[in-house]
C-alpha atoms as a PDB file:
ATOM      1  CA  MET A   1      -4.847  -9.211 -30.873  1.00  0.00           C
ATOM      2  CA  THR A   2      -6.356 -12.078 -28.873  1.00  0.00           C
ATOM      3  CA  THR A   3      -5.078 -13.556 -25.630  1.00  0.00           C
ATOM      4  CA  SER A   4      -4.362 -17.284 -25.662  1.00  0.00           C
ATOM      5  CA  THR A   5      -5.878 -19.639 -23.113  1.00  0.00           C
ATOM      6  CA  ASP A   6      -2.445 -20.174 -21.507  1.00  0.00           C
ATOM      7  CA  GLU A   7      -1.903 -16.406 -21.232  1.00  0.00           C
ATOM      8  CA  GLN A   8      -5.342 -15.951 -19.705  1.00  0.00           C
ATOM      9  CA  ARG A   9      -4.603 -18.709 -17.180  1.00  0.00           C
ATOM     10  CA  GLU A  10      -1.255 -17.140 -16.289  1.00  0.00           C
ATOM     11  CA  ILE A  11      -2.871 -13.720 -15.743  1.00  0.00           C
ATOM     12  CA  SER A  12      -5.608 -15.290 -13.613  1.00  0.00           C
ATOM     13  CA  GLU A  13      -3.111 -17.177 -11.464  1.00  0.00           C
ATOM     14  CA  ARG A  14      -1.194 -13.972 -10.783  1.00  0.00           C
ATOM     15  CA  ILE A  15      -4.275 -12.252  -9.347  1.00  0.00           C
ATOM     16  CA  LEU A  16      -4.121 -12.340  -5.546  1.00  0.00           C
ATOM     17  CA  LEU A  17      -6.799  -9.838  -4.558  1.00  0.00           C
ATOM     18  CA  SER A  18      -9.596  -8.367  -6.626  1.00  0.00           C
ATOM     19  CA  ALA A  19     -12.883  -6.539  -6.327  1.00  0.00           C
ATOM     20  CA  HIS A  20     -15.637  -6.497  -8.909  1.00  0.00           C
ATOM     21  CA  ASP A  21     -18.564  -4.092  -9.154  1.00  0.00           C
ATOM     22  CA  LEU A  22     -17.989  -2.950  -5.567  1.00  0.00           C
ATOM     23  CA  THR A  23     -20.519  -0.525  -4.082  1.00  0.00           C
ATOM     24  CA  VAL A  24     -20.316   0.733  -0.497  1.00  0.00           C
ATOM     25  CA  TYR A  25     -22.529   3.178   1.397  1.00  0.00           C
ATOM     26  CA  ARG A  26     -21.728   5.071   4.588  1.00  0.00           C
ATOM     27  CA  ASP A  27     -24.654   6.821   6.307  1.00  0.00           C
ATOM     28  CA  ALA A  28     -26.727   6.658   3.093  1.00  0.00           C
ATOM     29  CA  HIS A  29     -23.840   8.248   1.134  1.00  0.00           C
ATOM     30  CA  ARG A  30     -22.480   6.172  -1.716  1.00  0.00           C
ATOM     31  CA  VAL A  31     -18.703   6.170  -1.205  1.00  0.00           C
ATOM     32  CA  LEU A  32     -17.769   3.519  -3.793  1.00  0.00           C
ATOM     33  CA  ASP A  33     -19.775   3.190  -6.988  1.00  0.00           C
ATOM     34  CA  HIS A  34     -19.305  -0.117  -8.864  1.00  0.00           C
ATOM     35  CA  VAL A  35     -15.540  -0.128  -8.329  1.00  0.00           C
ATOM     36  CA  GLY A  36     -13.201  -2.782  -9.663  1.00  0.00           C
ATOM     37  CA  ILE A  37      -9.531  -3.268  -8.757  1.00  0.00           C
ATOM     38  CA  THR A  38      -6.962  -6.040  -9.180  1.00  0.00           C
ATOM     39  CA  VAL A  39      -3.769  -6.719  -7.229  1.00  0.00           C
ATOM     40  CA  ARG A  40      -1.326  -9.123  -8.890  1.00  0.00           C
ATOM     41  CA  ARG A  41       1.433 -11.233  -7.413  1.00  0.00           C
ATOM     42  CA  GLY A  42       4.580  -9.214  -6.688  1.00  0.00           C
ATOM     43  CA  GLY A  43       3.077  -5.961  -7.955  1.00  0.00           C
ATOM     44  CA  PHE A  44       3.062  -2.480  -6.431  1.00  0.00           C
ATOM     45  CA  THR A  45      -0.192  -0.550  -6.833  1.00  0.00           C
ATOM     46  CA  ALA A  46      -0.478   3.111  -5.868  1.00  0.00           C
ATOM     47  CA  LEU A  47      -4.026   3.997  -4.793  1.00  0.00           C
ATOM     48  CA  ILE A  48      -4.342   7.756  -5.100  1.00  0.00           C
ATOM     49  CA  GLY A  49      -7.063  10.316  -4.617  1.00  0.00           C
ATOM     50  CA  ALA A  50      -7.901  13.363  -2.553  1.00  0.00           C
ATOM     51  CA  ASN A  51      -8.623  13.130   1.171  1.00  0.00           C
ATOM     52  CA  GLY A  52     -12.166  11.867   1.587  1.00  0.00           C
ATOM     53  CA  SER A  53     -12.241  10.187  -1.817  1.00  0.00           C
ATOM     54  CA  GLY A  54     -12.893   6.741  -0.317  1.00  0.00           C
ATOM     55  CA  LYS A  55      -9.417   5.197  -0.258  1.00  0.00           C
ATOM     56  CA  THR A  56      -9.761   3.960   3.338  1.00  0.00           C
ATOM     57  CA  THR A  57     -13.242   2.624   2.607  1.00  0.00           C
ATOM     58  CA  LEU A  58     -11.905   0.667  -0.367  1.00  0.00           C
ATOM     59  CA  LEU A  59      -9.098  -0.873   1.697  1.00  0.00           C
ATOM     60  CA  GLN A  60     -11.556  -1.806   4.462  1.00  0.00           C
ATOM     61  CA  ALA A  61     -13.859  -3.401   1.890  1.00  0.00           C
ATOM     62  CA  LEU A  62     -10.953  -5.410   0.470  1.00  0.00           C
ATOM     63  CA  LEU A  63     -10.117  -6.568   4.003  1.00  0.00           C
ATOM     64  CA  GLY A  64     -13.720  -7.572   4.659  1.00  0.00           C
ATOM     65  CA  ALA A  65     -13.923  -5.133   7.559  1.00  0.00           C
ATOM     66  CA  ILE A  66     -17.083  -3.328   6.381  1.00  0.00           C
ATOM     67  CA  HIS A  67     -20.363  -4.240   4.743  1.00  0.00           C
ATOM     68  CA  ILE A  68     -20.557  -3.987   0.960  1.00  0.00           C
ATOM     69  CA  SER A  69     -23.881  -3.279  -0.704  1.00  0.00           C
ATOM     70  CA  ASN A  70     -23.015  -4.785  -4.060  1.00  0.00           C
ATOM     71  CA  GLY A  71     -20.210  -6.630  -5.790  1.00  0.00           C
ATOM     72  CA  SER A  72     -17.666  -9.177  -4.671  1.00  0.00           C
ATOM     73  CA  VAL A  73     -14.120  -9.423  -3.306  1.00  0.00           C
ATOM     74  CA  THR A  74     -11.756 -12.336  -3.910  1.00  0.00           C
ATOM     75  CA  ARG A  75      -8.999 -12.643  -1.306  1.00  0.00           C
ATOM     76  CA  PRO A  76      -5.955 -14.892  -0.903  1.00  0.00           C
ATOM     77  CA  SER A  77      -6.488 -17.739   1.533  1.00  0.00           C
ATOM     78  CA  ARG A  78      -4.184 -18.529   4.434  1.00  0.00           C
ATOM     79  CA  ALA A  79      -2.255 -21.605   3.401  1.00  0.00           C
ATOM     80  CA  LYS A  80       1.224 -23.117   3.410  1.00  0.00           C
ATOM     81  CA  GLY A  81       2.446 -20.755   6.129  1.00  0.00           C
ATOM     82  CA  VAL A  82       1.414 -17.655   4.206  1.00  0.00           C
ATOM     83  CA  GLY A  83      -0.604 -15.050   6.059  1.00  0.00           C
ATOM     84  CA  GLY A  84      -3.092 -13.947   3.396  1.00  0.00           C
ATOM     85  CA  ILE A  85      -3.414 -10.158   3.775  1.00  0.00           C
ATOM     86  CA  GLY A  86      -1.249  -7.871   5.906  1.00  0.00           C
ATOM     87  CA  TYR A  87      -2.587  -4.443   6.852  1.00  0.00           C
ATOM     88  CA  VAL A  88      -0.924  -1.205   7.948  1.00  0.00           C
ATOM     89  CA  PRO A  89      -3.538   1.258   9.306  1.00  0.00           C
ATOM     90  CA  GLN A  90      -3.499   4.960   8.587  1.00  0.00           C
ATOM     91  CA  HIS A  91      -2.253   6.078  11.973  1.00  0.00           C
ATOM     92  CA  VAL A  92      -1.479   4.531  15.347  1.00  0.00           C
ATOM     93  CA  ASP A  93      -0.758   6.623  18.428  1.00  0.00           C
ATOM     94  CA  PHE A  94       1.762   4.948  20.719  1.00  0.00           C
ATOM     95  CA  ASP A  95       1.845   6.161  24.304  1.00  0.00           C
ATOM     96  CA  PRO A  96       5.464   7.169  25.080  1.00  0.00           C
ATOM     97  CA  ASP A  97       5.189   5.265  28.375  1.00  0.00           C
ATOM     98  CA  ILE A  98       3.782   2.032  26.931  1.00  0.00           C
ATOM     99  CA  PRO A  99       5.958  -0.934  28.085  1.00  0.00           C
ATOM    100  CA  LEU A 100       6.174  -2.434  24.614  1.00  0.00           C
ATOM    101  CA  THR A 101       9.379  -2.845  22.626  1.00  0.00           C
ATOM    102  CA  VAL A 102       9.743  -2.839  18.861  1.00  0.00           C
ATOM    103  CA  TRP A 103      10.346  -6.590  19.027  1.00  0.00           C
ATOM    104  CA  ASP A 104       7.123  -7.086  21.016  1.00  0.00           C
ATOM    105  CA  THR A 105       5.162  -4.980  18.527  1.00  0.00           C
ATOM    106  CA  VAL A 106       6.321  -7.034  15.561  1.00  0.00           C
ATOM    107  CA  ALA A 107       5.875 -10.351  17.395  1.00  0.00           C
ATOM    108  CA  LEU A 108       2.214  -9.521  18.006  1.00  0.00           C
ATOM    109  CA  GLY A 109       1.751  -9.824  14.257  1.00  0.00           C
ATOM    110  CA  LEU A 110       2.273 -13.570  14.700  1.00  0.00           C
ATOM    111  CA  ASP A 111       0.536 -14.383  17.961  1.00  0.00           C
ATOM    112  CA  GLY A 112      -1.378 -11.269  18.999  1.00  0.00           C
ATOM    113  CA  GLY A 113      -4.712 -12.870  18.166  1.00  0.00           C
ATOM    114  CA  ARG A 114      -4.115 -16.036  20.189  1.00  0.00           C
ATOM    115  CA  LEU A 115      -5.396 -16.637  23.710  1.00  0.00           C
ATOM    116  CA  GLY A 116      -3.142 -17.537  26.593  1.00  0.00           C
ATOM    117  CA  PHE A 117       0.636 -17.576  26.342  1.00  0.00           C
ATOM    118  CA  PRO A 118       1.674 -18.871  22.919  1.00  0.00           C
ATOM    119  CA  ARG A 119       4.988 -20.683  22.647  1.00  0.00           C
ATOM    120  CA  ARG A 120       7.722 -18.665  20.985  1.00  0.00           C
ATOM    121  CA  ASN A 121      10.396 -20.965  19.564  1.00  0.00           C
ATOM    122  CA  GLN A 122      13.425 -20.330  17.349  1.00  0.00           C
ATOM    123  CA  ARG A 123      11.320 -20.362  14.203  1.00  0.00           C
ATOM    124  CA  PHE A 124       9.104 -17.683  15.724  1.00  0.00           C
ATOM    125  CA  ASN A 125      12.114 -15.566  16.697  1.00  0.00           C
ATOM    126  CA  ASP A 126      13.655 -15.976  13.248  1.00  0.00           C
ATOM    127  CA  ALA A 127      10.439 -14.711  11.623  1.00  0.00           C
ATOM    128  CA  VAL A 128      10.407 -11.601  13.838  1.00  0.00           C
ATOM    129  CA  LEU A 129      14.076 -10.891  13.155  1.00  0.00           C
ATOM    130  CA  ARG A 130      13.549 -11.287   9.408  1.00  0.00           C
ATOM    131  CA  ALA A 131      10.715  -8.754   9.466  1.00  0.00           C
ATOM    132  CA  LEU A 132      12.795  -6.282  11.472  1.00  0.00           C
ATOM    133  CA  GLN A 133      15.714  -6.665   9.082  1.00  0.00           C
ATOM    134  CA  ALA A 134      13.441  -6.250   6.066  1.00  0.00           C
ATOM    135  CA  VAL A 135      12.559  -2.717   7.194  1.00  0.00           C
ATOM    136  CA  ASP A 136      16.003  -1.881   8.582  1.00  0.00           C
ATOM    137  CA  ILE A 137      15.073  -1.509  12.266  1.00  0.00           C
ATOM    138  CA  ASP A 138      16.610  -4.651  13.770  1.00  0.00           C
ATOM    139  CA  ALA A 139      19.052  -2.410  15.681  1.00  0.00           C
ATOM    140  CA  LEU A 140      16.026  -0.861  17.437  1.00  0.00           C
ATOM    141  CA  ALA A 141      14.461  -4.178  18.455  1.00  0.00           C
ATOM    142  CA  GLN A 142      14.711  -3.574  22.217  1.00  0.00           C
ATOM    143  CA  ARG A 143      13.768   0.115  22.111  1.00  0.00           C
ATOM    144  CA  PRO A 144      10.338   1.157  23.473  1.00  0.00           C
ATOM    145  CA  ILE A 145       7.980   1.618  20.511  1.00  0.00           C
ATOM    146  CA  GLY A 146       6.604   4.841  22.009  1.00  0.00           C
ATOM    147  CA  GLY A 147      10.031   6.473  22.001  1.00  0.00           C
ATOM    148  CA  LEU A 148      10.681   6.122  18.280  1.00  0.00           C
ATOM    149  CA  SER A 149      10.265   8.757  15.600  1.00  0.00           C
ATOM    150  CA  GLY A 150       7.203   8.710  13.370  1.00  0.00           C
ATOM    151  CA  GLY A 151       9.113   7.128  10.511  1.00  0.00           C
ATOM    152  CA  GLN A 152      10.600   4.439  12.758  1.00  0.00           C
ATOM    153  CA  GLN A 153       7.182   3.626  14.201  1.00  0.00           C
ATOM    154  CA  GLN A 154       5.831   3.323  10.676  1.00  0.00           C
ATOM    155  CA  ARG A 155       8.571   0.824   9.861  1.00  0.00           C
ATOM    156  CA  ALA A 156       7.665  -1.184  12.973  1.00  0.00           C
ATOM    157  CA  LEU A 157       4.031  -1.304  11.836  1.00  0.00           C
ATOM    158  CA  ILE A 158       5.133  -2.498   8.404  1.00  0.00           C
ATOM    159  CA  ALA A 159       7.240  -5.232  10.016  1.00  0.00           C
ATOM    160  CA  HIS A 160       4.227  -6.158  12.188  1.00  0.00           C
ATOM    161  CA  ALA A 161       2.167  -6.621   9.004  1.00  0.00           C
ATOM    162  CA  LEU A 162       4.931  -8.522   7.168  1.00  0.00           C
ATOM    163  CA  VAL A 163       5.954 -10.961   9.886  1.00  0.00           C
ATOM    164  CA  ALA A 164       3.262 -13.514   8.932  1.00  0.00           C
ATOM    165  CA  SER A 165       4.505 -13.508   5.296  1.00  0.00           C
ATOM    166  CA  PRO A 166       1.318 -12.150   3.701  1.00  0.00           C
ATOM    167  CA  GLU A 167       0.751 -12.472  -0.021  1.00  0.00           C
ATOM    168  CA  VAL A 168      -0.711  -8.955  -0.129  1.00  0.00           C
ATOM    169  CA  LEU A 169       0.149  -5.912   1.981  1.00  0.00           C
ATOM    170  CA  LEU A 170      -2.501  -3.166   2.201  1.00  0.00           C
ATOM    171  CA  MET A 171      -1.256   0.202   3.464  1.00  0.00           C
ATOM    172  CA  ASP A 172      -3.570   3.081   4.350  1.00  0.00           C
ATOM    173  CA  GLU A 173      -1.827   6.461   3.916  1.00  0.00           C
ATOM    174  CA  PRO A 174       1.412   5.389   5.643  1.00  0.00           C
ATOM    175  CA  LEU A 175       3.126   8.609   4.508  1.00  0.00           C
ATOM    176  CA  SER A 176       0.554  11.113   5.754  1.00  0.00           C
ATOM    177  CA  SER A 177       2.421  12.243   8.880  1.00  0.00           C
ATOM    178  CA  LEU A 178       5.942  12.178   7.408  1.00  0.00           C
ATOM    179  CA  ASP A 179       8.017  14.906   5.780  1.00  0.00           C
ATOM    180  CA  PRO A 180       9.055  14.322   2.118  1.00  0.00           C
ATOM    181  CA  PRO A 181      12.463  12.747   2.902  1.00  0.00           C
ATOM    182  CA  GLY A 182      10.904  10.527   5.569  1.00  0.00           C
ATOM    183  CA  ALA A 183       8.097   9.519   3.220  1.00  0.00           C
ATOM    184  CA  GLN A 184      10.551   8.549   0.502  1.00  0.00           C
ATOM    185  CA  ARG A 185      12.586   6.477   2.961  1.00  0.00           C
ATOM    186  CA  VAL A 186       9.470   4.559   4.021  1.00  0.00           C
ATOM    187  CA  VAL A 187       8.514   3.838   0.398  1.00  0.00           C
ATOM    188  CA  ASP A 188      12.077   2.694  -0.302  1.00  0.00           C
ATOM    189  CA  VAL A 189      11.844   0.314   2.671  1.00  0.00           C
ATOM    190  CA  VAL A 190       8.434  -0.984   1.576  1.00  0.00           C
ATOM    191  CA  ASP A 191       9.756  -1.816  -1.877  1.00  0.00           C
ATOM    192  CA  LYS A 192      12.792  -3.564  -0.409  1.00  0.00           C
ATOM    193  CA  ALA A 193      10.526  -5.621   1.868  1.00  0.00           C
ATOM    194  CA  ARG A 194       8.141  -6.352  -1.012  1.00  0.00           C
ATOM    195  CA  ARG A 195      10.988  -7.916  -2.950  1.00  0.00           C
ATOM    196  CA  ALA A 196      12.337  -9.820   0.063  1.00  0.00           C
ATOM    197  CA  TYR A 197       8.933 -11.361   0.852  1.00  0.00           C
ATOM    198  CA  GLY A 198       7.519 -11.552  -2.674  1.00  0.00           C
ATOM    199  CA  THR A 199       4.532  -9.625  -1.346  1.00  0.00           C
ATOM    200  CA  ALA A 200       2.193  -7.562  -3.499  1.00  0.00           C
ATOM    201  CA  VAL A 201       1.632  -4.009  -2.197  1.00  0.00           C
ATOM    202  CA  LEU A 202      -1.438  -1.774  -2.442  1.00  0.00           C
ATOM    203  CA  MET A 203      -0.560   1.578  -0.859  1.00  0.00           C
ATOM    204  CA  SER A 204      -2.924   4.524  -0.638  1.00  0.00           C
ATOM    205  CA  SER A 205      -1.624   8.085  -0.686  1.00  0.00           C
ATOM    206  CA  HIS A 206      -2.888  11.555  -1.530  1.00  0.00           C
ATOM    207  CA  ASP A 207       0.543  12.252  -3.074  1.00  0.00           C
ATOM    208  CA  VAL A 208       1.662   9.816  -5.760  1.00  0.00           C
ATOM    209  CA  THR A 209       5.140  11.297  -6.286  1.00  0.00           C
ATOM    210  CA  PRO A 210       7.054   9.188  -3.684  1.00  0.00           C
ATOM    211  CA  LEU A 211       5.453   6.028  -5.088  1.00  0.00           C
ATOM    212  CA  LEU A 212       6.285   6.600  -8.741  1.00  0.00           C
ATOM    213  CA  PRO A 213       9.772   5.012  -8.759  1.00  0.00           C
ATOM    214  CA  TYR A 214       8.250   1.683  -7.689  1.00  0.00           C
ATOM    215  CA  ALA A 215       4.550   1.509  -8.597  1.00  0.00           C
ATOM    216  CA  ASP A 216       3.792  -0.525 -11.706  1.00  0.00           C
ATOM    217  CA  THR A 217       0.056   0.180 -11.418  1.00  0.00           C
ATOM    218  CA  VAL A 218      -1.896   3.295 -10.435  1.00  0.00           C
ATOM    219  CA  ALA A 219      -5.522   3.311  -9.286  1.00  0.00           C
ATOM    220  CA  TYR A 220      -7.115   6.772  -9.092  1.00  0.00           C
ATOM    221  CA  LEU A 221     -10.260   7.188  -6.985  1.00  0.00           C
ATOM    222  CA  ARG A 222     -12.567  10.158  -7.408  1.00  0.00           C
ATOM    223  CA  ALA A 223     -16.259  10.638  -6.559  1.00  0.00           C
ATOM    224  CA  GLY A 224     -16.695   6.929  -5.962  1.00  0.00           C
ATOM    225  CA  HIS A 225     -15.271   5.857  -9.320  1.00  0.00           C
ATOM    226  CA  LEU A 226     -11.900   4.207  -9.899  1.00  0.00           C
ATOM    227  CA  THR A 227      -9.588   4.359 -12.899  1.00  0.00           C
ATOM    228  CA  GLU A 228      -6.823   1.740 -12.923  1.00  0.00           C
ATOM    229  CA  GLY A 229      -3.970   1.063 -15.302  1.00  0.00           C
ATOM    230  CA  PRO A 230      -0.200   0.755 -15.788  1.00  0.00           C
ATOM    231  CA  THR A 231       1.715   3.660 -14.277  1.00  0.00           C
ATOM    232  CA  ASP A 232       3.023   4.844 -17.653  1.00  0.00           C
ATOM    233  CA  ASP A 233      -0.543   5.023 -18.977  1.00  0.00           C
ATOM    234  CA  ILE A 234      -2.044   6.872 -15.981  1.00  0.00           C
ATOM    235  CA  ILE A 235       0.762   9.233 -14.953  1.00  0.00           C
ATOM    236  CA  THR A 236       0.642  11.529 -17.960  1.00  0.00           C
ATOM    237  CA  THR A 237      -0.291  15.189 -18.272  1.00  0.00           C
ATOM    238  CA  ASP A 238      -3.402  14.498 -20.335  1.00  0.00           C
ATOM    239  CA  VAL A 239      -4.783  11.606 -18.256  1.00  0.00           C
ATOM    240  CA  LEU A 240      -4.194  13.236 -14.845  1.00  0.00           C
ATOM    241  CA  THR A 241      -5.613  16.549 -16.051  1.00  0.00           C
ATOM    242  CA  ARG A 242      -8.768  14.678 -17.059  1.00  0.00           C
ATOM    243  CA  LEU A 243      -8.942  12.690 -13.809  1.00  0.00           C
ATOM    244  CA  TYR A 244      -8.183  15.600 -11.469  1.00  0.00           C
ATOM    245  CA  GLN A 245     -10.379  17.907 -13.570  1.00  0.00           C
ATOM    246  CA  GLN A 246      -7.759  20.625 -13.277  1.00  0.00           C
ATOM    247  CA  PRO A 247      -4.385  21.312 -14.928  1.00  0.00           C
ATOM    248  CA  VAL A 248      -1.714  18.800 -13.948  1.00  0.00           C
ATOM    249  CA  GLU A 249       1.775  18.610 -15.406  1.00  0.00           C
ATOM    250  CA  VAL A 250       3.841  15.433 -15.518  1.00  0.00           C
ATOM    251  CA  GLY A 251       7.515  15.717 -16.321  1.00  0.00           C
ATOM    252  CA  VAL A 252      10.721  13.719 -16.191  1.00  0.00           C
ATOM    253  CA  VAL A 253      13.385  15.087 -13.856  1.00  0.00           C
ATOM    254  CA  ASN A 254      16.701  13.251 -13.477  1.00  0.00           C
ATOM    255  CA  GLY A 255      15.166  10.280 -15.250  1.00  0.00           C
ATOM    256  CA  ARG A 256      12.193  10.064 -12.887  1.00  0.00           C
ATOM    257  CA  ARG A 257       8.566  10.836 -13.628  1.00  0.00           C
ATOM    258  CA  VAL A 258       7.207  13.551 -11.302  1.00  0.00           C
ATOM    259  CA  LEU A 259       4.176  15.798 -10.884  1.00  0.00           C
ATOM    260  CA  LEU A 260       5.098  19.456 -11.300  1.00  0.00           C
ATOM    261  CA  PRO A 261       3.479  22.828 -10.737  1.00  0.00           C
ATOM    262  CA  VAL A 262       2.155  23.938 -14.098  1.00  0.00           C
ATOM    263  CA  SER A 263       4.583  26.872 -14.265  1.00  0.00           C
ATOM    264  CA  GLU A 264       7.621  24.610 -13.824  1.00  0.00           C
ATOM    265  CA  ALA A 265       6.767  22.257 -16.658  1.00  0.00           C
ATOM    266  CA  THR A 266       7.102  25.064 -19.199  1.00  0.00           C
ATOM    267  CA  SER A 267      10.860  25.047 -18.686  1.00  0.00           C
ATOM    268  CA  ALA A 268      12.606  22.573 -20.985  1.00  0.00           C
ATOM    269  CA  GLU A 269      15.684  22.728 -18.755  1.00  0.00           C
ATOM    270  CA  GLN A 270      13.703  21.486 -15.754  1.00  0.00           C
ATOM    271  CA  ALA A 271      11.537  18.753 -17.218  1.00  0.00           C
ATOM    272  CA  ARG A 272      10.416  16.901 -20.301  1.00  0.00           C
ATOM    273  CA  ARG A 273       6.638  17.014 -20.409  1.00  0.00           C
ATOM    274  CA  VAL A 274       4.916  13.619 -20.477  1.00  0.00           C
ATOM    275  CA  ARG A 275       1.677  13.678 -22.407  1.00  0.00           C
END
């Protein structure tokens, strides 16, 4: 089956961020080996892989924050009031005594890079409020950022990245310091904000399970090589067993696809095995 010219054009226009043949070295060690990845408009991509697999390096390369030895990256441009790429780093330590409110933290996403004292008008304030509401922390706007819980701080960082209305939101292990319920709440909030802003999301995580209800694409990184495809094609017992190079069981529990301990997937009452 061939793809028509119109279909090819439509697919191309949906691509917001892409890397082709990307190779990156760190201290003479090849971290990324001819990697390719595509982020499409409105999509949610789960970037998974073990700790140390190169997920952070890939995100930094997509941002243009590190030198690439080979390949190319195509990024969205800042235009028509849209902020290009938003970024949520892996971890930020906030001093409990820092005199910075949640509102201030989010507002810095709009004018933090400007010199002097930028003018903050009603449009500016509306943008900050919208970002706070998108992640459900507008009630905490005047609270000190250092006094919030880890999950609340993570939401503030997401709002900080969203406030400039980016076309793409890159998130580096935002769930790493959260317990399972807290991690799921953050992913729920991210998906809600993605829909409100029409922003594509590329989120890295060592655990794909919280992302599965929302991710339409999965990119698996191992030993410098990346495998990318629709979630239903990647999150199967056979494919993940091959990628992880160890037994992995994928089942459906309460209508949701989940990764299970191998012993659990043998029970028909607990899960339907997805091959």
